[in-house]
Amino acid sequence: MTAGVKICVPIHDAVLIEAPLEMIDEHVRLTRSIMAQACRDFLGGKPCRIDAEVIRAPDRYMDIKRGVGMWNTVMGCVGLP
């Protein structure tokens, strides 16, 4: 946990965080702020764009272009639809 934000996994140049629904917007704001500062530190003060996509339960993240086939394969392997 960093600054009170639960980081589940890094994904390329992003992170997946987890937070209670009533706190997700604040955790996203805090995470974006930390990432923006890290960019400025690394790039000598130059800013970079920080995007965020919030998925609220019961929805789940899915890479539509590449992820559906893999998700279906994994679910089939474990015997789920």
N, C-alpha and C. Protein backbone atom coordinates (compact mmCIF):
# COMPACT_ATOMS: atom_id res chain seq x y z
N MET A 1 0.85 -1.17 0.00
CA MET A 1 0.00 0.00 0.00
C MET A 1 0.90 1.24 0.00
N THR A 2 0.60 2.18 -0.89
CA THR A 2 1.36 3.41 -1.00
C THR A 2 0.42 4.57 -0.73
N ALA A 3 0.75 5.40 0.25
CA ALA A 3 -0.05 6.58 0.58
C ALA A 3 -1.51 6.22 0.84
N GLY A 4 -1.75 5.01 1.33
CA GLY A 4 -3.11 4.57 1.61
C GLY A 4 -3.84 3.99 0.42
N VAL A 5 -3.17 3.88 -0.73
CA VAL A 5 -3.78 3.34 -1.95
C VAL A 5 -3.28 1.91 -2.13
N LYS A 6 -4.22 0.98 -2.30
CA LYS A 6 -3.85 -0.42 -2.53
C LYS A 6 -3.57 -0.62 -4.01
N ILE A 7 -2.32 -0.89 -4.33
CA ILE A 7 -1.91 -1.16 -5.71
C ILE A 7 -1.96 -2.67 -5.90
N CYS A 8 -2.80 -3.12 -6.82
CA CYS A 8 -2.96 -4.55 -7.07
C CYS A 8 -1.87 -5.08 -8.00
N VAL A 9 -1.61 -4.34 -9.08
CA VAL A 9 -0.66 -4.83 -10.08
C VAL A 9 -0.25 -3.69 -11.02
N PRO A 10 1.03 -3.65 -11.42
CA PRO A 10 1.40 -2.73 -12.50
C PRO A 10 1.00 -3.35 -13.83
N ILE A 11 0.59 -2.51 -14.77
CA ILE A 11 0.23 -2.96 -16.11
C ILE A 11 0.93 -2.03 -17.09
N HIS A 12 2.05 -2.46 -17.63
CA HIS A 12 2.86 -1.65 -18.53
C HIS A 12 3.18 -0.32 -17.86
N ASP A 13 2.62 0.77 -18.34
CA ASP A 13 2.90 2.10 -17.76
C ASP A 13 1.74 2.58 -16.90
N ALA A 14 1.02 1.64 -16.31
CA ALA A 14 -0.15 1.97 -15.50
C ALA A 14 -0.15 1.12 -14.23
N VAL A 15 -1.09 1.40 -13.36
CA VAL A 15 -1.30 0.58 -12.18
C VAL A 15 -2.78 0.30 -12.02
N LEU A 16 -3.09 -0.86 -11.48
CA LEU A 16 -4.46 -1.22 -11.14
C LEU A 16 -4.57 -1.05 -9.63
N ILE A 17 -5.50 -0.20 -9.18
CA ILE A 17 -5.69 0.00 -7.75
C ILE A 17 -7.04 -0.56 -7.33
N GLU A 18 -7.18 -0.74 -6.03
CA GLU A 18 -8.43 -1.23 -5.46
C GLU A 18 -8.80 -0.33 -4.30
N ALA A 19 -10.08 0.00 -4.21
CA ALA A 19 -10.56 0.83 -3.10
C ALA A 19 -12.05 0.58 -2.91
N PRO A 20 -12.55 0.82 -1.70
CA PRO A 20 -13.99 0.74 -1.48
C PRO A 20 -14.71 1.72 -2.41
N LEU A 21 -15.91 1.36 -2.85
CA LEU A 21 -16.64 2.21 -3.80
C LEU A 21 -16.77 3.64 -3.33
N GLU A 22 -17.01 3.84 -2.04
CA GLU A 22 -17.19 5.20 -1.55
C GLU A 22 -15.89 6.00 -1.49
N MET A 23 -14.76 5.34 -1.70
CA MET A 23 -13.46 6.02 -1.65
C MET A 23 -12.72 6.01 -2.99
N ILE A 24 -13.27 5.36 -4.01
CA ILE A 24 -12.52 5.16 -5.25
C ILE A 24 -12.13 6.47 -5.91
N ASP A 25 -13.02 7.45 -5.95
CA ASP A 25 -12.68 8.71 -6.62
C ASP A 25 -11.50 9.40 -5.93
N GLU A 26 -11.47 9.38 -4.61
CA GLU A 26 -10.35 9.98 -3.87
C GLU A 26 -9.07 9.19 -4.10
N HIS A 27 -9.15 7.87 -4.14
CA HIS A 27 -7.95 7.06 -4.38
C HIS A 27 -7.42 7.27 -5.80
N VAL A 28 -8.31 7.42 -6.76
CA VAL A 28 -7.89 7.70 -8.14
C VAL A 28 -7.20 9.06 -8.19
N ARG A 29 -7.78 10.08 -7.54
CA ARG A 29 -7.18 11.40 -7.52
C ARG A 29 -5.78 11.35 -6.89
N LEU A 30 -5.66 10.66 -5.78
CA LEU A 30 -4.37 10.55 -5.10
C LEU A 30 -3.35 9.80 -5.96
N THR A 31 -3.78 8.71 -6.58
CA THR A 31 -2.87 7.93 -7.44
C THR A 31 -2.40 8.77 -8.63
N ARG A 32 -3.32 9.50 -9.25
CA ARG A 32 -2.94 10.36 -10.38
C ARG A 32 -1.94 11.43 -9.94
N SER A 33 -2.15 11.99 -8.77
CA SER A 33 -1.25 13.00 -8.24
C SER A 33 0.15 12.43 -8.01
N ILE A 34 0.21 11.25 -7.42
CA ILE A 34 1.50 10.60 -7.17
C ILE A 34 2.20 10.27 -8.49
N MET A 35 1.45 9.75 -9.46
CA MET A 35 2.05 9.41 -10.75
C MET A 35 2.53 10.67 -11.48
N ALA A 36 1.77 11.75 -11.39
CA ALA A 36 2.18 13.01 -12.04
C ALA A 36 3.48 13.53 -11.42
N GLN A 37 3.59 13.45 -10.09
CA GLN A 37 4.82 13.89 -9.44
C GLN A 37 5.99 13.00 -9.83
N ALA A 38 5.76 11.69 -9.92
CA ALA A 38 6.82 10.78 -10.34
C ALA A 38 7.30 11.12 -11.75
N CYS A 39 6.38 11.46 -12.64
CA CYS A 39 6.75 11.85 -14.00
C CYS A 39 7.60 13.11 -13.98
N ARG A 40 7.17 14.12 -13.21
CA ARG A 40 7.94 15.36 -13.13
C ARG A 40 9.33 15.10 -12.56
N ASP A 41 9.42 14.25 -11.53
CA ASP A 41 10.72 13.92 -10.95
C ASP A 41 11.62 13.24 -11.97
N PHE A 42 11.06 12.31 -12.71
CA PHE A 42 11.84 11.53 -13.68
C PHE A 42 12.20 12.35 -14.91
N LEU A 43 11.30 13.24 -15.34
CA LEU A 43 11.49 14.00 -16.58
C LEU A 43 12.03 15.41 -16.34
N GLY A 44 12.61 15.64 -15.19
CA GLY A 44 13.22 16.93 -14.92
C GLY A 44 12.21 18.07 -14.84
N GLY A 45 11.05 17.81 -14.29
CA GLY A 45 10.05 18.84 -14.11
C GLY A 45 9.00 18.91 -15.19
N LYS A 46 9.19 18.16 -16.28
CA LYS A 46 8.21 18.19 -17.37
C LYS A 46 7.00 17.33 -17.00
N PRO A 47 5.79 17.84 -17.26
CA PRO A 47 4.59 17.07 -16.93
C PRO A 47 4.28 16.02 -17.99
N CYS A 48 3.46 15.07 -17.63
CA CYS A 48 2.95 14.11 -18.60
C CYS A 48 1.47 13.87 -18.29
N ARG A 49 0.75 13.40 -19.27
CA ARG A 49 -0.68 13.17 -19.12
C ARG A 49 -0.91 11.89 -18.31
N ILE A 50 -1.81 11.96 -17.37
CA ILE A 50 -2.18 10.80 -16.55
C ILE A 50 -3.66 10.55 -16.75
N ASP A 51 -4.00 9.46 -17.41
CA ASP A 51 -5.39 9.10 -17.64
C ASP A 51 -5.85 8.14 -16.54
N ALA A 52 -7.14 8.06 -16.37
CA ALA A 52 -7.71 7.10 -15.42
C ALA A 52 -9.02 6.55 -15.98
N GLU A 53 -9.20 5.27 -15.78
CA GLU A 53 -10.46 4.62 -16.12
C GLU A 53 -10.94 3.93 -14.85
N VAL A 54 -12.12 4.28 -14.40
CA VAL A 54 -12.65 3.72 -13.17
C VAL A 54 -13.70 2.67 -13.52
N ILE A 55 -13.51 1.48 -12.98
CA ILE A 55 -14.47 0.40 -13.16
C ILE A 55 -15.01 0.08 -11.77
N ARG A 56 -16.30 0.20 -11.62
CA ARG A 56 -16.93 -0.05 -10.33
C ARG A 56 -17.60 -1.43 -10.33
N ALA A 57 -17.48 -2.12 -9.18
CA ALA A 57 -18.12 -3.43 -9.01
C ALA A 57 -19.62 -3.28 -9.24
N PRO A 58 -20.23 -4.24 -9.88
CA PRO A 58 -19.74 -5.58 -10.21
C PRO A 58 -19.07 -5.67 -11.58
N ASP A 59 -18.88 -4.53 -12.26
CA ASP A 59 -18.19 -4.57 -13.55
C ASP A 59 -16.74 -4.96 -13.35
N ARG A 60 -16.06 -5.34 -14.43
CA ARG A 60 -14.65 -5.69 -14.36
C ARG A 60 -13.95 -5.13 -15.58
N TYR A 61 -12.64 -4.91 -15.45
CA TYR A 61 -11.85 -4.42 -16.57
C TYR A 61 -11.74 -5.50 -17.63
N MET A 62 -11.85 -5.10 -18.88
CA MET A 62 -11.69 -6.05 -19.98
C MET A 62 -11.09 -5.32 -21.17
N ASP A 63 -9.96 -5.82 -21.65
CA ASP A 63 -9.37 -5.30 -22.88
C ASP A 63 -10.17 -5.92 -24.02
N ILE A 64 -11.11 -5.17 -24.55
CA ILE A 64 -12.05 -5.69 -25.55
C ILE A 64 -11.32 -6.22 -26.78
N LYS A 65 -10.30 -5.52 -27.24
CA LYS A 65 -9.62 -5.92 -28.47
C LYS A 65 -8.86 -7.23 -28.31
N ARG A 66 -8.22 -7.41 -27.15
CA ARG A 66 -7.36 -8.58 -26.99
C ARG A 66 -7.77 -9.51 -25.87
N GLY A 67 -8.57 -9.01 -24.93
CA GLY A 67 -8.80 -9.77 -23.71
C GLY A 67 -9.95 -10.75 -23.72
N VAL A 68 -10.95 -10.53 -24.54
CA VAL A 68 -12.14 -11.38 -24.50
C VAL A 68 -11.80 -12.83 -24.81
N GLY A 69 -11.04 -13.06 -25.85
CA GLY A 69 -10.67 -14.44 -26.22
C GLY A 69 -9.90 -15.13 -25.11
N MET A 70 -8.94 -14.43 -24.52
CA MET A 70 -8.15 -15.03 -23.44
C MET A 70 -9.02 -15.28 -22.21
N TRP A 71 -9.88 -14.31 -21.86
CA TRP A 71 -10.78 -14.49 -20.72
C TRP A 71 -11.65 -15.74 -20.93
N ASN A 72 -12.22 -15.90 -22.11
CA ASN A 72 -13.07 -17.04 -22.40
C ASN A 72 -12.28 -18.35 -22.32
N THR A 73 -11.05 -18.34 -22.78
CA THR A 73 -10.19 -19.53 -22.70
C THR A 73 -9.93 -19.91 -21.26
N VAL A 74 -9.56 -18.93 -20.44
CA VAL A 74 -9.27 -19.20 -19.03
C VAL A 74 -10.52 -19.70 -18.32
N MET A 75 -11.64 -19.04 -18.54
CA MET A 75 -12.88 -19.45 -17.89
C MET A 75 -13.26 -20.88 -18.30
N GLY A 76 -13.06 -21.21 -19.58
CA GLY A 76 -13.34 -22.57 -20.04
C GLY A 76 -12.42 -23.59 -19.38
N CYS A 77 -11.16 -23.23 -19.18
CA CYS A 77 -10.21 -24.14 -18.53
C CYS A 77 -10.58 -24.45 -17.09
N VAL A 78 -11.21 -23.49 -16.42
CA VAL A 78 -11.59 -23.72 -15.02
C VAL A 78 -13.03 -24.19 -14.90
N GLY A 79 -13.66 -24.44 -16.04
CA GLY A 79 -15.01 -25.01 -16.05
C GLY A 79 -16.14 -24.04 -15.80
N LEU A 80 -15.91 -22.77 -16.09
CA LEU A 80 -16.96 -21.75 -15.92
C LEU A 80 -17.35 -21.19 -17.27
N PRO A 81 -18.60 -20.69 -17.35
CA PRO A 81 -19.05 -20.12 -18.65
C PRO A 81 -18.37 -18.80 -18.96
